[in-house]
C-alpha atoms as a PDB file:
ATOM      1  CA  MET A   1     218.563 154.821  90.155  1.00  0.00           C
ATOM      2  CA  GLY A   2     215.306 156.183  90.851  1.00  0.00           C
ATOM      3  CA  ILE A   3     211.596 156.234  88.716  1.00  0.00           C
ATOM      4  CA  LEU A   4     213.061 158.988  86.588  1.00  0.00           C
ATOM      5  CA  SER A   5     215.978 156.898  85.092  1.00  0.00           C
ATOM      6  CA  GLY A   6     216.535 154.742  82.430  1.00  0.00           C
ATOM      7  CA  LYS A   7     214.454 154.854  78.991  1.00  0.00           C
ATOM      8  CA  PRO A   8     212.179 157.940  78.896  1.00  0.00           C
ATOM      9  CA  GLU A   9     209.034 155.839  77.324  1.00  0.00           C
ATOM     10  CA  GLU A  10     209.018 154.017  81.087  1.00  0.00           C
ATOM     11  CA  GLU A  11     209.134 156.410  83.228  1.00  0.00           C
ATOM     12  CA  PRO A  12     205.944 158.431  84.578  1.00  0.00           C
ATOM     13  CA  LEU A  13     204.254 161.375  82.868  1.00  0.00           C
ATOM     14  CA  HIS A  14     203.918 164.217  85.185  1.00  0.00           C
ATOM     15  CA  SER A  15     200.351 165.695  85.126  1.00  0.00           C
ATOM     16  CA  GLY A  16     201.613 169.372  83.650  1.00  0.00           C
ATOM     17  CA  GLU A  17     202.995 166.366  80.913  1.00  0.00           C
ATOM     18  CA  ILE A  18     199.401 164.835  80.978  1.00  0.00           C
ATOM     19  CA  PHE A  19     197.522 167.997  80.849  1.00  0.00           C
ATOM     20  CA  ASN A  20     199.265 169.362  77.844  1.00  0.00           C
ATOM     21  CA  LEU A  21     199.692 166.231  75.616  1.00  0.00           C
ATOM     22  CA  TRP A  22     195.442 165.717  76.524  1.00  0.00           C
ATOM     23  CA  ASN A  23     194.633 169.533  75.685  1.00  0.00           C
ATOM     24  CA  HIS A  24     196.856 169.470  72.550  1.00  0.00           C
ATOM     25  CA  LEU A  25     195.404 165.653  71.293  1.00  0.00           C
ATOM     26  CA  PHE A  26     191.729 167.829  71.849  1.00  0.00           C
ATOM     27  CA  ALA A  27     193.030 170.668  70.254  1.00  0.00           C
ATOM     28  CA  THR A  28     194.513 169.366  66.912  1.00  0.00           C
ATOM     29  CA  LYS A  29     191.163 167.244  66.963  1.00  0.00           C
ATOM     30  CA  SER A  30     188.957 169.906  66.745  1.00  0.00           C
ATOM     31  CA  TYR A  31     191.699 171.489  63.896  1.00  0.00           C
ATOM     32  CA  LEU A  32     191.256 168.925  61.851  1.00  0.00           C
ATOM     33  CA  VAL A  33     188.384 169.768  61.267  1.00  0.00           C
ATOM     34  CA  THR A  34     188.902 173.332  60.979  1.00  0.00           C
ATOM     35  CA  LEU A  35     191.335 172.296  58.581  1.00  0.00           C
ATOM     36  CA  GLN A  36     188.477 170.345  56.133  1.00  0.00           C
ATOM     37  CA  ILE A  37     186.424 173.325  56.251  1.00  0.00           C
ATOM     38  CA  PHE A  38     188.632 175.732  55.242  1.00  0.00           C
ATOM     39  CA  ILE A  39     189.774 173.318  52.448  1.00  0.00           C
ATOM     40  CA  ASN A  40     186.271 173.318  51.424  1.00  0.00           C
ATOM     41  CA  HIS A  41     186.493 177.169  51.586  1.00  0.00           C
ATOM     42  CA  THR A  42     189.762 177.840  49.607  1.00  0.00           C
ATOM     43  CA  GLY A  43     189.169 178.239  45.710  1.00  0.00           C
ATOM     44  CA  ASP A  44     193.370 178.734  45.536  1.00  0.00           C
ATOM     45  CA  LYS A  45     195.232 175.642  44.442  1.00  0.00           C
ATOM     46  CA  ASP A  46     198.481 176.340  46.213  1.00  0.00           C
ATOM     47  CA  LEU A  47     197.020 177.161  49.403  1.00  0.00           C
ATOM     48  CA  LYS A  48     194.901 174.213  48.763  1.00  0.00           C
ATOM     49  CA  ALA A  49     197.680 171.834  48.356  1.00  0.00           C
ATOM     50  CA  LEU A  50     199.627 173.658  51.392  1.00  0.00           C
ATOM     51  CA  LEU A  51     196.480 172.850  53.731  1.00  0.00           C
ATOM     52  CA  GLU A  52     195.757 169.080  52.355  1.00  0.00           C
ATOM     53  CA  ASP A  53     199.665 168.106  53.036  1.00  0.00           C
ATOM     54  CA  LEU A  54     199.580 170.632  57.160  1.00  0.00           C
ATOM     55  CA  MET A  55     196.518 168.206  57.650  1.00  0.00           C
ATOM     56  CA  GLU A  56     197.822 164.717  56.200  1.00  0.00           C
ATOM     57  CA  ASN A  57     201.333 164.972  56.924  1.00  0.00           C
ATOM     58  CA  CYS A  58     201.285 166.884  60.377  1.00  0.00           C
ATOM     59  CA  ILE A  59     198.569 167.188  61.986  1.00  0.00           C
ATOM     60  CA  LYS A  60     197.139 163.377  61.690  1.00  0.00           C
ATOM     61  CA  GLN A  61     200.501 162.278  62.601  1.00  0.00           C
ATOM     62  CA  GLU A  62     200.913 164.790  65.707  1.00  0.00           C
ATOM     63  CA  GLU A  63     197.704 163.096  66.766  1.00  0.00           C
ATOM     64  CA  GLN A  64     198.728 159.788  66.453  1.00  0.00           C
ATOM     65  CA  GLN A  65     202.032 160.147  68.059  1.00  0.00           C
ATOM     66  CA  THR A  66     199.805 161.846  71.560  1.00  0.00           C
ATOM     67  CA  GLU A  67     197.327 159.527  70.998  1.00  0.00           C
ATOM     68  CA  ALA A  68     199.699 157.061  71.550  1.00  0.00           C
ATOM     69  CA  ILE A  69     201.327 158.079  74.594  1.00  0.00           C
ATOM     70  CA  LEU A  70     198.296 158.887  76.363  1.00  0.00           C
ATOM     71  CA  THR A  71     197.047 155.492  75.560  1.00  0.00           C
ATOM     72  CA  ALA A  72     200.581 153.657  76.712  1.00  0.00           C
ATOM     73  CA  ASN A  73     200.051 155.574  79.738  1.00  0.00           C
ATOM     74  CA  GLY A  74     196.404 154.733  80.750  1.00  0.00           C
ATOM     75  CA  ILE A  75     194.880 158.584  79.689  1.00  0.00           C
ATOM     76  CA  ARG A  76     191.496 158.323  78.602  1.00  0.00           C
ATOM     77  CA  LEU A  77     191.456 160.038  75.326  1.00  0.00           C
ATOM     78  CA  PRO A  78     189.213 163.685  74.165  1.00  0.00           C
ATOM     79  CA  PRO A  79     186.434 163.659  72.313  1.00  0.00           C
ATOM     80  CA  ALA A  80     186.516 164.286  68.367  1.00  0.00           C
ATOM     81  CA  PRO A  81     184.164 166.494  66.952  1.00  0.00           C
ATOM     82  CA  PRO A  82     182.584 164.613  63.731  1.00  0.00           C
ATOM     83  CA  ALA A  83     184.033 164.763  60.466  1.00  0.00           C
ATOM     84  CA  ARG A  84     182.722 167.350  57.997  1.00  0.00           C
ATOM     85  CA  PRO A  85     181.937 166.341  54.333  1.00  0.00           C
ATOM     86  CA  ASN A  86     183.848 167.747  51.203  1.00  0.00           C
ATOM     87  CA  VAL A  87     182.020 170.748  49.872  1.00  0.00           C
ATOM     88  CA  GLU A  88     182.637 172.237  46.364  1.00  0.00           C
ATOM     89  CA  VAL A  89     183.903 175.948  46.887  1.00  0.00           C
ATOM     90  CA  LYS A  90     181.458 176.794  44.374  1.00  0.00           C
ATOM     91  CA  ASP A  91     178.349 175.570  46.232  1.00  0.00           C
ATOM     92  CA  ILE A  92     179.145 177.862  49.235  1.00  0.00           C
ATOM     93  CA  PRO A  93     177.392 181.158  49.164  1.00  0.00           C
ATOM     94  CA  ALA A  94     179.898 183.935  48.595  1.00  0.00           C
ATOM     95  CA  GLY A  95     178.562 185.518  52.154  1.00  0.00           C
ATOM     96  CA  ALA A  96     178.881 182.786  53.702  1.00  0.00           C
ATOM     97  CA  ARG A  97     182.507 181.616  52.376  1.00  0.00           C
ATOM     98  CA  PHE A  98     185.914 182.078  54.110  1.00  0.00           C
ATOM     99  CA  ASN A  99     188.358 184.152  51.375  1.00  0.00           C
ATOM    100  CA  ASP A 100     191.748 182.590  50.521  1.00  0.00           C
ATOM    101  CA  PRO A 101     193.604 185.196  52.360  1.00  0.00           C
ATOM    102  CA  GLU A 102     191.646 185.232  55.321  1.00  0.00           C
ATOM    103  CA  ILE A 103     192.026 181.320  55.726  1.00  0.00           C
ATOM    104  CA  ALA A 104     196.051 181.724  55.373  1.00  0.00           C
ATOM    105  CA  LEU A 105     195.868 184.655  58.184  1.00  0.00           C
ATOM    106  CA  LEU A 106     194.107 181.897  60.324  1.00  0.00           C
ATOM    107  CA  VAL A 107     196.075 179.360  59.684  1.00  0.00           C
ATOM    108  CA  GLN A 108     199.021 181.514  60.212  1.00  0.00           C
ATOM    109  CA  LYS A 109     197.970 182.697  63.204  1.00  0.00           C
ATOM    110  CA  GLU A 110     197.135 179.058  64.440  1.00  0.00           C
ATOM    111  CA  ILE A 111     200.529 177.902  63.671  1.00  0.00           C
ATOM    112  CA  ALA A 112     202.268 180.745  65.028  1.00  0.00           C
ATOM    113  CA  THR A 113     200.254 180.080  68.620  1.00  0.00           C
ATOM    114  CA  GLU A 114     200.863 176.438  68.116  1.00  0.00           C
ATOM    115  CA  LYS A 115     204.629 177.067  68.506  1.00  0.00           C
ATOM    116  CA  MET A 116     204.510 178.932  71.383  1.00  0.00           C
ATOM    117  CA  GLN A 117     202.244 175.888  72.819  1.00  0.00           C
ATOM    118  CA  PHE A 118     205.050 173.472  72.139  1.00  0.00           C
ATOM    119  CA  SER A 119     207.948 175.607  73.758  1.00  0.00           C
ATOM    120  CA  TYR A 120     206.151 175.820  76.921  1.00  0.00           C
ATOM    121  CA  ILE A 121     205.879 172.396  76.752  1.00  0.00           C
ATOM    122  CA  MET A 122     209.287 171.353  75.611  1.00  0.00           C
ATOM    123  CA  GLY A 123     210.256 173.585  78.694  1.00  0.00           C
ATOM    124  CA  ILE A 124     208.172 171.558  81.848  1.00  0.00           C
ATOM    125  CA  SER A 125     208.979 168.581  80.180  1.00  0.00           C
ATOM    126  CA  ILE A 126     210.766 166.432  81.857  1.00  0.00           C
ATOM    127  CA  ARG A 127     210.621 163.259  80.130  1.00  0.00           C
ATOM    128  CA  GLU A 128     213.142 163.301  77.159  1.00  0.00           C
ATOM    129  CA  ASP A 129     210.847 162.005  74.790  1.00  0.00           C
ATOM    130  CA  ILE A 130     208.177 164.067  75.437  1.00  0.00           C
ATOM    131  CA  ALA A 131     210.280 167.274  74.476  1.00  0.00           C
ATOM    132  CA  GLU A 132     211.826 165.601  71.820  1.00  0.00           C
ATOM    133  CA  MET A 133     208.555 165.077  70.066  1.00  0.00           C
ATOM    134  CA  TYR A 134     207.336 168.548  71.012  1.00  0.00           C
ATOM    135  CA  GLY A 135     210.696 170.282  69.190  1.00  0.00           C
ATOM    136  CA  GLU A 136     209.624 168.140  66.179  1.00  0.00           C
ATOM    137  CA  PHE A 137     206.380 169.478  66.229  1.00  0.00           C
ATOM    138  CA  HIS A 138     207.730 173.117  66.507  1.00  0.00           C
ATOM    139  CA  GLN A 139     209.777 172.233  63.780  1.00  0.00           C
ATOM    140  CA  GLN A 140     207.600 171.179  61.013  1.00  0.00           C
ATOM    141  CA  ARG A 141     205.583 174.046  62.124  1.00  0.00           C
ATOM    142  CA  THR A 142     208.146 176.399  61.266  1.00  0.00           C
ATOM    143  CA  GLU A 143     208.202 174.533  57.815  1.00  0.00           C
ATOM    144  CA  TYR A 144     204.926 175.290  56.897  1.00  0.00           C
ATOM    145  CA  GLU A 145     204.853 178.795  58.629  1.00  0.00           C
ATOM    146  CA  GLU A 146     207.952 179.370  56.027  1.00  0.00           C
ATOM    147  CA  LYS A 147     205.379 177.553  53.399  1.00  0.00           C
ATOM    148  CA  LEU A 148     202.528 179.946  53.802  1.00  0.00           C
ATOM    149  CA  LEU A 149     204.310 183.034  54.365  1.00  0.00           C
ATOM    150  CA  LYS A 150     205.941 182.001  50.470  1.00  0.00           C
ATOM    151  CA  ILE A 151     202.715 182.121  49.341  1.00  0.00           C
ATOM    152  CA  THR A 152     200.617 185.019  51.286  1.00  0.00           C
ATOM    153  CA  LYS A 153     203.575 187.168  49.584  1.00  0.00           C
ATOM    154  CA  ASP A 154     203.361 185.519  46.142  1.00  0.00           C
ATOM    155  CA  LYS A 155     199.496 185.988  46.067  1.00  0.00           C
ATOM    156  CA  GLY A 156     200.010 189.453  47.472  1.00  0.00           C
ATOM    157  CA  TRP A 157     197.786 188.471  50.909  1.00  0.00           C
ATOM    158  CA  LEU A 158     200.303 189.434  52.795  1.00  0.00           C
ATOM    159  CA  VAL A 159     199.095 192.926  54.976  1.00  0.00           C
ATOM    160  CA  PRO A 160     202.862 194.502  56.128  1.00  0.00           C
ATOM    161  CA  PRO A 161     202.429 196.357  58.998  1.00  0.00           C
ATOM    162  CA  PRO A 162     204.123 199.932  58.313  1.00  0.00           C
ATOM    163  CA  LEU A 163     207.838 199.499  57.039  1.00  0.00           C
ATOM    164  CA  MET A 164     210.302 201.723  57.372  1.00  0.00           C
ATOM    165  CA  LEU A 165     212.006 202.758  54.417  1.00  0.00           C
ATOM    166  CA  LYS A 166     214.836 204.992  54.636  1.00  0.00           C
END
């Protein structure tokens, strides 16, 4: 039996896993601030509820799980940008505000990018717990992507590419 047998949590991380865990955590910490900004800017109650749910029940949990793995393996954690204060949307000048369709598109784009990153990390991981964790992250993002798609369709914000109608 070698060092890569037994309990995955006791196996060493390889450099690719370390880099991607650290990079994901760094991006997650920044994205939490971005989501706070988007929440401040949105005027739509459904979009705001989705963003708050995404932040609290998905992104913050990912941050905690990733931090725990890095800490347990003695890896220095990345810095976090300062949190943003809550602001009323009416206090943001119209020309400086993100519009709700823009916010929805930016969040959808981020979700799609993250899903690709998570797939890559699952593919390079040799520790089953890391691959499984990122599989769960991928599944969560898929669920939020479906919710966001429904909102964008219901609100008329979806701009489809040319459709083939015959």
